[in-house]
C-alpha atoms as a PDB file:
ATOM      1  CA  UNK A   1      39.041 -21.760  35.420  1.00  0.00           C
ATOM      2  CA  UNK A   2      42.694 -20.833  35.771  1.00  0.00           C
ATOM      3  CA  UNK A   3      43.999 -21.537  39.298  1.00  0.00           C
ATOM      4  CA  UNK A   4      47.535 -22.772  38.785  1.00  0.00           C
ATOM      5  CA  UNK A   5      49.134 -19.438  37.966  1.00  0.00           C
ATOM      6  CA  UNK A   6      51.307 -17.847  40.640  1.00  0.00           C
ATOM      7  CA  UNK A   7      50.761 -14.111  40.332  1.00  0.00           C
ATOM      8  CA  UNK A   8      53.327 -13.141  42.956  1.00  0.00           C
ATOM      9  CA  UNK A   9      56.139 -11.178  41.426  1.00  0.00           C
ATOM     10  CA  UNK A  10      54.508 -10.751  38.060  1.00  0.00           C
ATOM     11  CA  UNK A  11      54.211  -7.005  38.577  1.00  0.00           C
ATOM     12  CA  UNK A  12      52.994  -5.106  35.541  1.00  0.00           C
ATOM     13  CA  UNK A  13      52.891  -8.301  33.488  1.00  0.00           C
ATOM     14  CA  UNK A  14      49.952  -9.694  35.516  1.00  0.00           C
ATOM     15  CA  UNK A  15      47.276  -7.756  33.646  1.00  0.00           C
ATOM     16  CA  UNK A  16      48.519  -8.705  30.150  1.00  0.00           C
ATOM     17  CA  UNK A  17      48.792 -12.339  31.279  1.00  0.00           C
ATOM     18  CA  UNK A  18      45.107 -12.289  32.221  1.00  0.00           C
ATOM     19  CA  UNK A  19      44.027 -11.004  28.845  1.00  0.00           C
ATOM     20  CA  UNK A  20      46.033 -13.668  27.008  1.00  0.00           C
ATOM     21  CA  UNK A  21      43.651 -16.264  28.448  1.00  0.00           C
ATOM     22  CA  UNK A  22      40.379 -14.468  27.758  1.00  0.00           C
ATOM     23  CA  UNK A  23      39.000 -17.099  25.368  1.00  0.00           C
ATOM     24  CA  UNK A  24      39.779 -20.260  27.400  1.00  0.00           C
ATOM     25  CA  UNK A  25      38.708 -18.567  30.644  1.00  0.00           C
ATOM     26  CA  UNK A  26      35.442 -17.448  29.053  1.00  0.00           C
ATOM     27  CA  UNK A  27      34.751 -21.017  27.926  1.00  0.00           C
ATOM     28  CA  UNK A  28      35.517 -22.258  31.440  1.00  0.00           C
ATOM     29  CA  UNK A  29      33.133 -19.724  32.986  1.00  0.00           C
ATOM     30  CA  UNK A  30      30.425 -20.675  30.485  1.00  0.00           C
ATOM     31  CA  UNK A  31      30.893 -24.353  31.352  1.00  0.00           C
ATOM     32  CA  UNK A  32      30.412 -23.526  35.020  1.00  0.00           C
ATOM     33  CA  UNK A  33      27.136 -21.693  34.293  1.00  0.00           C
ATOM     34  CA  UNK A  34      25.852 -24.616  32.222  1.00  0.00           C
ATOM     35  CA  UNK A  35      26.715 -27.113  34.945  1.00  0.00           C
ATOM     36  CA  UNK A  36      24.823 -25.039  37.507  1.00  0.00           C
ATOM     37  CA  UNK A  37      21.818 -24.856  35.171  1.00  0.00           C
ATOM     38  CA  UNK A  38      21.901 -28.614  34.683  1.00  0.00           C
ATOM     39  CA  UNK A  39      21.646 -29.081  38.439  1.00  0.00           C
ATOM     40  CA  UNK A  40      18.543 -26.875  38.635  1.00  0.00           C
ATOM     41  CA  UNK A  41      15.562 -29.046  37.613  1.00  0.00           C
ATOM     42  CA  UNK A  42      13.115 -26.124  37.823  1.00  0.00           C
ATOM     43  CA  UNK A  43      15.016 -24.105  35.229  1.00  0.00           C
ATOM     44  CA  UNK A  44      15.338 -27.108  32.942  1.00  0.00           C
ATOM     45  CA  UNK A  45      11.617 -27.846  33.240  1.00  0.00           C
ATOM     46  CA  UNK A  46      10.646 -24.275  32.386  1.00  0.00           C
ATOM     47  CA  UNK A  47      13.087 -24.216  29.455  1.00  0.00           C
ATOM     48  CA  UNK A  48      11.458 -27.364  28.033  1.00  0.00           C
ATOM     49  CA  UNK A  49       7.794 -26.608  28.740  1.00  0.00           C
ATOM     50  CA  UNK A  50       7.575 -22.862  28.118  1.00  0.00           C
ATOM     51  CA  UNK A  51       8.094 -23.038  24.330  1.00  0.00           C
ATOM     52  CA  UNK A  52       5.527 -25.827  24.029  1.00  0.00           C
ATOM     53  CA  UNK A  53       2.916 -24.025  26.126  1.00  0.00           C
ATOM     54  CA  UNK A  54       3.338 -20.693  24.347  1.00  0.00           C
ATOM     55  CA  UNK A  55       3.180 -22.270  20.906  1.00  0.00           C
ATOM     56  CA  UNK A  56       0.016 -24.206  21.751  1.00  0.00           C
ATOM     57  CA  UNK A  57      -1.548 -21.136  23.381  1.00  0.00           C
ATOM     58  CA  UNK A  58      -1.074 -18.843  20.408  1.00  0.00           C
ATOM     59  CA  UNK A  59      -1.895 -21.327  17.678  1.00  0.00           C
ATOM     60  CA  UNK A  60      -4.878 -23.150  19.186  1.00  0.00           C
ATOM     61  CA  UNK A  61      -6.336 -20.539  21.564  1.00  0.00           C
ATOM     62  CA  UNK A  62      -5.727 -17.230  19.773  1.00  0.00           C
ATOM     63  CA  UNK A  63      -4.989 -18.346  16.225  1.00  0.00           C
ATOM     64  CA  UNK A  64      -8.570 -19.035  15.199  1.00  0.00           C
ATOM     65  CA  UNK A  65      -9.672 -15.510  16.114  1.00  0.00           C
ATOM     66  CA  UNK A  66      -6.807 -13.579  14.509  1.00  0.00           C
ATOM     67  CA  UNK A  67      -6.747 -12.782  10.799  1.00  0.00           C
ATOM     68  CA  UNK A  68      -3.268 -12.006   9.436  1.00  0.00           C
ATOM     69  CA  UNK A  69      -3.683 -12.865   5.770  1.00  0.00           C
ATOM     70  CA  UNK A  70      -1.867 -16.188   6.014  1.00  0.00           C
ATOM     71  CA  UNK A  71      -1.633 -19.319   8.136  1.00  0.00           C
ATOM     72  CA  UNK A  72      -1.335 -18.123  11.724  1.00  0.00           C
ATOM     73  CA  UNK A  73       1.122 -20.841  12.724  1.00  0.00           C
ATOM     74  CA  UNK A  74       3.577 -19.657  10.075  1.00  0.00           C
ATOM     75  CA  UNK A  75       2.997 -16.038  11.061  1.00  0.00           C
ATOM     76  CA  UNK A  76       3.431 -16.525  14.816  1.00  0.00           C
ATOM     77  CA  UNK A  77       6.336 -18.997  14.937  1.00  0.00           C
ATOM     78  CA  UNK A  78       9.098 -16.341  14.602  1.00  0.00           C
ATOM     79  CA  UNK A  79       7.427 -14.337  17.376  1.00  0.00           C
ATOM     80  CA  UNK A  80       7.294 -17.332  19.709  1.00  0.00           C
ATOM     81  CA  UNK A  81      10.977 -17.989  18.997  1.00  0.00           C
ATOM     82  CA  UNK A  82      11.928 -14.469  20.091  1.00  0.00           C
ATOM     83  CA  UNK A  83       9.535 -14.493  23.034  1.00  0.00           C
ATOM     84  CA  UNK A  84      11.061 -17.666  24.479  1.00  0.00           C
ATOM     85  CA  UNK A  85      14.622 -16.619  23.637  1.00  0.00           C
ATOM     86  CA  UNK A  86      14.183 -13.217  25.269  1.00  0.00           C
ATOM     87  CA  UNK A  87      12.704 -14.710  28.412  1.00  0.00           C
ATOM     88  CA  UNK A  88      15.460 -17.307  28.656  1.00  0.00           C
ATOM     89  CA  UNK A  89      18.188 -14.727  28.107  1.00  0.00           C
ATOM     90  CA  UNK A  90      16.743 -12.514  30.850  1.00  0.00           C
ATOM     91  CA  UNK A  91      17.444 -15.267  33.399  1.00  0.00           C
ATOM     92  CA  UNK A  92      21.116 -14.292  33.117  1.00  0.00           C
ATOM     93  CA  UNK A  93      20.349 -11.315  35.356  1.00  0.00           C
ATOM     94  CA  UNK A  94      19.088 -13.599  38.122  1.00  0.00           C
ATOM     95  CA  UNK A  95      22.096 -15.905  37.773  1.00  0.00           C
ATOM     96  CA  UNK A  96      24.507 -12.985  38.203  1.00  0.00           C
ATOM     97  CA  UNK A  97      22.725 -11.721  41.311  1.00  0.00           C
ATOM     98  CA  UNK A  98      22.810 -15.213  42.791  1.00  0.00           C
ATOM     99  CA  UNK A  99      26.543 -15.438  42.074  1.00  0.00           C
ATOM    100  CA  UNK A 100      27.109 -12.136  43.861  1.00  0.00           C
ATOM    101  CA  UNK A 101      25.134 -13.311  46.898  1.00  0.00           C
ATOM    102  CA  UNK A 102      27.264 -16.453  47.337  1.00  0.00           C
ATOM    103  CA  UNK A 103      30.603 -14.649  47.348  1.00  0.00           C
ATOM    104  CA  UNK A 104      31.911 -16.498  44.307  1.00  0.00           C
ATOM    105  CA  UNK A 105      32.532 -13.177  42.558  1.00  0.00           C
ATOM    106  CA  UNK A 106      35.067 -12.234  45.236  1.00  0.00           C
ATOM    107  CA  UNK A 107      36.865 -15.513  44.635  1.00  0.00           C
ATOM    108  CA  UNK A 108      36.958 -14.883  40.886  1.00  0.00           C
ATOM    109  CA  UNK A 109      38.478 -11.446  41.478  1.00  0.00           C
ATOM    110  CA  UNK A 110      41.244 -13.025  43.566  1.00  0.00           C
ATOM    111  CA  UNK A 111      42.231 -15.241  40.623  1.00  0.00           C
ATOM    112  CA  UNK A 112      44.370 -14.293  37.624  1.00  0.00           C
ATOM    113  CA  UNK A 113      41.393 -14.011  35.276  1.00  0.00           C
ATOM    114  CA  UNK A 114      40.061 -10.900  33.583  1.00  0.00           C
ATOM    115  CA  UNK A 115      36.805  -9.576  35.026  1.00  0.00           C
ATOM    116  CA  UNK A 116      35.294  -9.548  31.547  1.00  0.00           C
ATOM    117  CA  UNK A 117      35.520 -13.338  31.260  1.00  0.00           C
ATOM    118  CA  UNK A 118      33.072 -13.778  34.152  1.00  0.00           C
ATOM    119  CA  UNK A 119      30.429 -11.744  32.329  1.00  0.00           C
ATOM    120  CA  UNK A 120      31.309 -13.141  28.908  1.00  0.00           C
ATOM    121  CA  UNK A 121      30.918 -16.673  30.268  1.00  0.00           C
ATOM    122  CA  UNK A 122      27.330 -15.914  31.266  1.00  0.00           C
ATOM    123  CA  UNK A 123      26.643 -14.446  27.820  1.00  0.00           C
ATOM    124  CA  UNK A 124      28.116 -17.470  26.055  1.00  0.00           C
ATOM    125  CA  UNK A 125      26.194 -19.940  28.231  1.00  0.00           C
ATOM    126  CA  UNK A 126      22.921 -18.068  27.749  1.00  0.00           C
ATOM    127  CA  UNK A 127      23.398 -18.020  23.987  1.00  0.00           C
ATOM    128  CA  UNK A 128      23.925 -21.779  23.929  1.00  0.00           C
ATOM    129  CA  UNK A 129      20.912 -22.509  26.154  1.00  0.00           C
ATOM    130  CA  UNK A 130      18.582 -20.288  24.178  1.00  0.00           C
ATOM    131  CA  UNK A 131      19.633 -21.709  20.840  1.00  0.00           C
ATOM    132  CA  UNK A 132      18.486 -25.046  22.261  1.00  0.00           C
ATOM    133  CA  UNK A 133      15.182 -23.397  23.216  1.00  0.00           C
ATOM    134  CA  UNK A 134      14.891 -22.075  19.651  1.00  0.00           C
ATOM    135  CA  UNK A 135      15.360 -25.611  18.352  1.00  0.00           C
ATOM    136  CA  UNK A 136      12.580 -26.819  20.658  1.00  0.00           C
ATOM    137  CA  UNK A 137      10.210 -24.105  19.399  1.00  0.00           C
ATOM    138  CA  UNK A 138      10.899 -25.047  15.783  1.00  0.00           C
ATOM    139  CA  UNK A 139      10.446 -28.744  16.545  1.00  0.00           C
ATOM    140  CA  UNK A 140       7.092 -28.095  18.220  1.00  0.00           C
ATOM    141  CA  UNK A 141       6.004 -25.835  15.356  1.00  0.00           C
ATOM    142  CA  UNK A 142       6.992 -28.465  12.788  1.00  0.00           C
ATOM    143  CA  UNK A 143       5.095 -31.152  14.687  1.00  0.00           C
ATOM    144  CA  UNK A 144       1.846 -29.162  14.441  1.00  0.00           C
ATOM    145  CA  UNK A 145       2.216 -28.137  10.821  1.00  0.00           C
ATOM    146  CA  UNK A 146       4.796 -25.382  10.356  1.00  0.00           C
ATOM    147  CA  UNK A 147       6.570 -25.625   7.021  1.00  0.00           C
ATOM    148  CA  UNK A 148       9.190 -23.402   5.400  1.00  0.00           C
ATOM    149  CA  UNK A 149      10.361 -23.347   1.799  1.00  0.00           C
ATOM    150  CA  UNK A 150      13.479 -21.389   2.755  1.00  0.00           C
ATOM    151  CA  UNK A 151      16.828 -22.562   1.432  1.00  0.00           C
ATOM    152  CA  UNK A 152      19.953 -23.269   3.439  1.00  0.00           C
ATOM    153  CA  UNK A 153      21.243 -19.675   3.204  1.00  0.00           C
ATOM    154  CA  UNK A 154      17.915 -18.252   4.365  1.00  0.00           C
ATOM    155  CA  UNK A 155      17.872 -20.624   7.331  1.00  0.00           C
ATOM    156  CA  UNK A 156      21.454 -19.668   8.228  1.00  0.00           C
ATOM    157  CA  UNK A 157      20.496 -16.016   8.001  1.00  0.00           C
ATOM    158  CA  UNK A 158      17.464 -16.521  10.260  1.00  0.00           C
ATOM    159  CA  UNK A 159      19.543 -18.411  12.832  1.00  0.00           C
ATOM    160  CA  UNK A 160      22.165 -15.646  12.686  1.00  0.00           C
ATOM    161  CA  UNK A 161      19.609 -12.910  13.351  1.00  0.00           C
ATOM    162  CA  UNK A 162      18.030 -14.872  16.220  1.00  0.00           C
ATOM    163  CA  UNK A 163      21.504 -15.466  17.694  1.00  0.00           C
ATOM    164  CA  UNK A 164      22.309 -11.754  17.465  1.00  0.00           C
ATOM    165  CA  UNK A 165      19.054 -10.983  19.279  1.00  0.00           C
ATOM    166  CA  UNK A 166      19.803 -13.522  22.013  1.00  0.00           C
ATOM    167  CA  UNK A 167      23.294 -12.084  22.528  1.00  0.00           C
ATOM    168  CA  UNK A 168      21.925  -8.528  22.682  1.00  0.00           C
ATOM    169  CA  UNK A 169      19.207  -9.371  25.216  1.00  0.00           C
ATOM    170  CA  UNK A 170      21.677 -11.395  27.276  1.00  0.00           C
ATOM    171  CA  UNK A 171      24.042  -8.415  27.383  1.00  0.00           C
ATOM    172  CA  UNK A 172      21.162  -6.240  28.593  1.00  0.00           C
ATOM    173  CA  UNK A 173      20.370  -8.876  31.218  1.00  0.00           C
ATOM    174  CA  UNK A 174      24.045  -8.898  32.247  1.00  0.00           C
ATOM    175  CA  UNK A 175      23.884  -5.158  32.916  1.00  0.00           C
ATOM    176  CA  UNK A 176      20.746  -5.631  35.007  1.00  0.00           C
ATOM    177  CA  UNK A 177      22.414  -8.492  36.879  1.00  0.00           C
ATOM    178  CA  UNK A 178      25.442  -6.447  37.971  1.00  0.00           C
ATOM    179  CA  UNK A 179      23.274  -3.467  38.961  1.00  0.00           C
ATOM    180  CA  UNK A 180      20.399  -5.258  40.723  1.00  0.00           C
ATOM    181  CA  UNK A 181      20.696  -6.145  44.390  1.00  0.00           C
ATOM    182  CA  UNK A 182      18.125  -8.938  44.652  1.00  0.00           C
ATOM    183  CA  UNK A 183      16.922 -11.788  42.409  1.00  0.00           C
ATOM    184  CA  UNK A 184      13.414 -10.299  42.486  1.00  0.00           C
ATOM    185  CA  UNK A 185      14.659  -7.010  41.063  1.00  0.00           C
ATOM    186  CA  UNK A 186      16.693  -8.824  38.419  1.00  0.00           C
ATOM    187  CA  UNK A 187      13.693 -10.966  37.522  1.00  0.00           C
ATOM    188  CA  UNK A 188      11.801  -7.857  36.472  1.00  0.00           C
ATOM    189  CA  UNK A 189      13.673  -7.986  33.174  1.00  0.00           C
ATOM    190  CA  UNK A 190      11.938 -11.276  32.415  1.00  0.00           C
ATOM    191  CA  UNK A 191       8.587  -9.498  32.480  1.00  0.00           C
ATOM    192  CA  UNK A 192       9.863  -6.826  30.112  1.00  0.00           C
ATOM    193  CA  UNK A 193      11.185  -9.454  27.719  1.00  0.00           C
ATOM    194  CA  UNK A 194       7.843 -11.252  27.760  1.00  0.00           C
ATOM    195  CA  UNK A 195       5.934  -8.010  27.204  1.00  0.00           C
ATOM    196  CA  UNK A 196       8.050  -6.400  24.473  1.00  0.00           C
ATOM    197  CA  UNK A 197       7.262  -8.868  21.642  1.00  0.00           C
ATOM    198  CA  UNK A 198       3.531  -8.331  22.177  1.00  0.00           C
ATOM    199  CA  UNK A 199       3.917  -4.668  21.197  1.00  0.00           C
ATOM    200  CA  UNK A 200       5.479  -5.541  17.857  1.00  0.00           C
ATOM    201  CA  UNK A 201       4.568  -7.361  14.670  1.00  0.00           C
ATOM    202  CA  UNK A 202       5.173 -10.720  16.373  1.00  0.00           C
ATOM    203  CA  UNK A 203       1.552 -11.809  16.733  1.00  0.00           C
ATOM    204  CA  UNK A 204      -0.623  -9.196  14.996  1.00  0.00           C
ATOM    205  CA  UNK A 205       0.077  -6.671  12.225  1.00  0.00           C
ATOM    206  CA  UNK A 206       0.952  -3.218  13.647  1.00  0.00           C
ATOM    207  CA  UNK A 207      -1.655  -1.780  11.240  1.00  0.00           C
ATOM    208  CA  UNK A 208      -4.387  -3.142  13.511  1.00  0.00           C
ATOM    209  CA  UNK A 209      -3.131  -1.171  16.533  1.00  0.00           C
ATOM    210  CA  UNK A 210      -4.115   2.367  17.587  1.00  0.00           C
ATOM    211  CA  UNK A 211      -1.972   5.059  15.954  1.00  0.00           C
ATOM    212  CA  UNK A 212       0.055   5.845  19.089  1.00  0.00           C
ATOM    213  CA  UNK A 213       0.761   2.176  19.803  1.00  0.00           C
ATOM    214  CA  UNK A 214       1.501   1.436  16.162  1.00  0.00           C
ATOM    215  CA  UNK A 215       4.326   3.994  16.257  1.00  0.00           C
ATOM    216  CA  UNK A 216       5.885   2.176  19.205  1.00  0.00           C
ATOM    217  CA  UNK A 217       5.456  -1.228  17.569  1.00  0.00           C
ATOM    218  CA  UNK A 218       7.076  -0.135  14.330  1.00  0.00           C
ATOM    219  CA  UNK A 219      10.081   1.558  15.962  1.00  0.00           C
ATOM    220  CA  UNK A 220      11.203  -0.822  18.684  1.00  0.00           C
ATOM    221  CA  UNK A 221      13.989  -3.409  18.301  1.00  0.00           C
ATOM    222  CA  UNK A 222      11.877  -6.577  18.243  1.00  0.00           C
ATOM    223  CA  UNK A 223       9.875  -5.650  15.130  1.00  0.00           C
ATOM    224  CA  UNK A 224      12.752  -5.527  12.595  1.00  0.00           C
ATOM    225  CA  UNK A 225      14.143  -8.753  14.039  1.00  0.00           C
ATOM    226  CA  UNK A 226      10.739 -10.433  13.684  1.00  0.00           C
ATOM    227  CA  UNK A 227      10.255  -9.082  10.173  1.00  0.00           C
ATOM    228  CA  UNK A 228      13.679 -10.314   9.103  1.00  0.00           C
ATOM    229  CA  UNK A 229      13.219 -13.826  10.508  1.00  0.00           C
ATOM    230  CA  UNK A 230       9.678 -14.120   9.134  1.00  0.00           C
ATOM    231  CA  UNK A 231      10.766 -12.860   5.734  1.00  0.00           C
ATOM    232  CA  UNK A 232      13.648 -15.318   5.574  1.00  0.00           C
ATOM    233  CA  UNK A 233      11.644 -18.352   6.683  1.00  0.00           C
ATOM    234  CA  UNK A 234       8.258 -17.865   5.016  1.00  0.00           C
ATOM    235  CA  UNK A 235       8.806 -14.877   2.699  1.00  0.00           C
ATOM    236  CA  UNK A 236       5.974 -12.815   4.195  1.00  0.00           C
ATOM    237  CA  UNK A 237       5.778  -9.454   5.926  1.00  0.00           C
ATOM    238  CA  UNK A 238       3.672  -8.368   8.905  1.00  0.00           C
ATOM    239  CA  UNK A 239       0.682  -7.785   6.613  1.00  0.00           C
ATOM    240  CA  UNK A 240       0.810 -11.323   5.228  1.00  0.00           C
ATOM    241  CA  UNK A 241       2.015 -10.129   1.822  1.00  0.00           C
ATOM    242  CA  UNK A 242       5.198 -11.389   0.124  1.00  0.00           C
ATOM    243  CA  UNK A 243       8.279  -9.350   0.956  1.00  0.00           C
ATOM    244  CA  UNK A 244      10.866  -8.135  -1.512  1.00  0.00           C
ATOM    245  CA  UNK A 245      14.362  -7.071  -0.524  1.00  0.00           C
ATOM    246  CA  UNK A 246      15.009  -7.749   3.174  1.00  0.00           C
ATOM    247  CA  UNK A 247      18.381  -6.007   3.198  1.00  0.00           C
ATOM    248  CA  UNK A 248      17.248  -2.757   4.814  1.00  0.00           C
ATOM    249  CA  UNK A 249      15.135  -4.521   7.454  1.00  0.00           C
ATOM    250  CA  UNK A 250      17.960  -6.920   8.291  1.00  0.00           C
ATOM    251  CA  UNK A 251      20.406  -4.020   8.592  1.00  0.00           C
ATOM    252  CA  UNK A 252      18.102  -2.246  11.069  1.00  0.00           C
ATOM    253  CA  UNK A 253      17.640  -5.465  13.063  1.00  0.00           C
ATOM    254  CA  UNK A 254      21.381  -6.111  13.301  1.00  0.00           C
ATOM    255  CA  UNK A 255      22.072  -2.467  14.143  1.00  0.00           C
ATOM    256  CA  UNK A 256      19.618  -2.660  17.050  1.00  0.00           C
ATOM    257  CA  UNK A 257      21.202  -5.893  18.295  1.00  0.00           C
ATOM    258  CA  UNK A 258      24.752  -4.547  17.981  1.00  0.00           C
ATOM    259  CA  UNK A 259      23.884  -1.280  19.710  1.00  0.00           C
ATOM    260  CA  UNK A 260      22.105  -2.941  22.613  1.00  0.00           C
ATOM    261  CA  UNK A 261      24.831  -5.542  23.008  1.00  0.00           C
ATOM    262  CA  UNK A 262      27.833  -3.200  22.888  1.00  0.00           C
ATOM    263  CA  UNK A 263      26.339  -0.511  25.139  1.00  0.00           C
ATOM    264  CA  UNK A 264      24.982  -2.994  27.688  1.00  0.00           C
ATOM    265  CA  UNK A 265      28.108  -5.141  27.929  1.00  0.00           C
ATOM    266  CA  UNK A 266      30.427  -2.110  28.121  1.00  0.00           C
ATOM    267  CA  UNK A 267      28.335  -0.599  30.905  1.00  0.00           C
ATOM    268  CA  UNK A 268      28.129  -3.958  32.707  1.00  0.00           C
ATOM    269  CA  UNK A 269      31.909  -4.434  32.571  1.00  0.00           C
ATOM    270  CA  UNK A 270      32.450  -0.909  33.930  1.00  0.00           C
ATOM    271  CA  UNK A 271      30.010  -1.417  36.824  1.00  0.00           C
ATOM    272  CA  UNK A 272      31.420  -4.864  37.604  1.00  0.00           C
ATOM    273  CA  UNK A 273      34.996  -3.584  37.683  1.00  0.00           C
ATOM    274  CA  UNK A 274      34.034  -0.546  39.765  1.00  0.00           C
ATOM    275  CA  UNK A 275      32.318  -2.714  42.346  1.00  0.00           C
ATOM    276  CA  UNK A 276      35.357  -4.949  42.446  1.00  0.00           C
ATOM    277  CA  UNK A 277      37.581  -2.000  43.312  1.00  0.00           C
END
């Protein structure tokens, strides 16, 4: 982080000087978050074991009893990816509350860095960590039989959609982190992120749900993201049938991610700055 700048006498030029270093300061803040995570063995253990446990649970415990019109491993893998990514991203809320409790936020505000870089650093670090988790999920899935005939462009598209989802959920977690007062309250978002994919097309077709629940499943943000990733990787929809043009579904998925991300991060920055004043 930037510490060698003397802000005395800068006057009205102090604020512009902060914003000129947004990118390097954001990278510095992200590096700090990653170093703290590396020193927490519990978080590292959960990040490594959770994807494996969830994949094994759904494929070997539930998979034999669920009929989706295709191989259940192929059907469920995109859902497990988003489930693990959402849970991992929600931990950003807890990290922000812990930062506030140690007084480090007050030190950051005394330095010539923009407030936004503190929050953006958490978002950047979370995105990096959860892309690693996504890689673990895919590696586990491949080891037990998952195969995809998707080309390079389809894989890039799937990774892009998953990344957009991770960024959006992390921004939502950032808002929770600056509003919540305790780690327990912030941790409640983790439960929501674990629950939301279940009420979607992640693990069962929405057509099998009651009418009132089906409406929720078909019109919440996780479903279009799942449908886009599944369509890109295995070319199937929620009903197990081949999909045609994914353009409309992908547009809805990205619109959800952009809306959640922009609204959440804007609100988080406003609350963070207001508390600082």
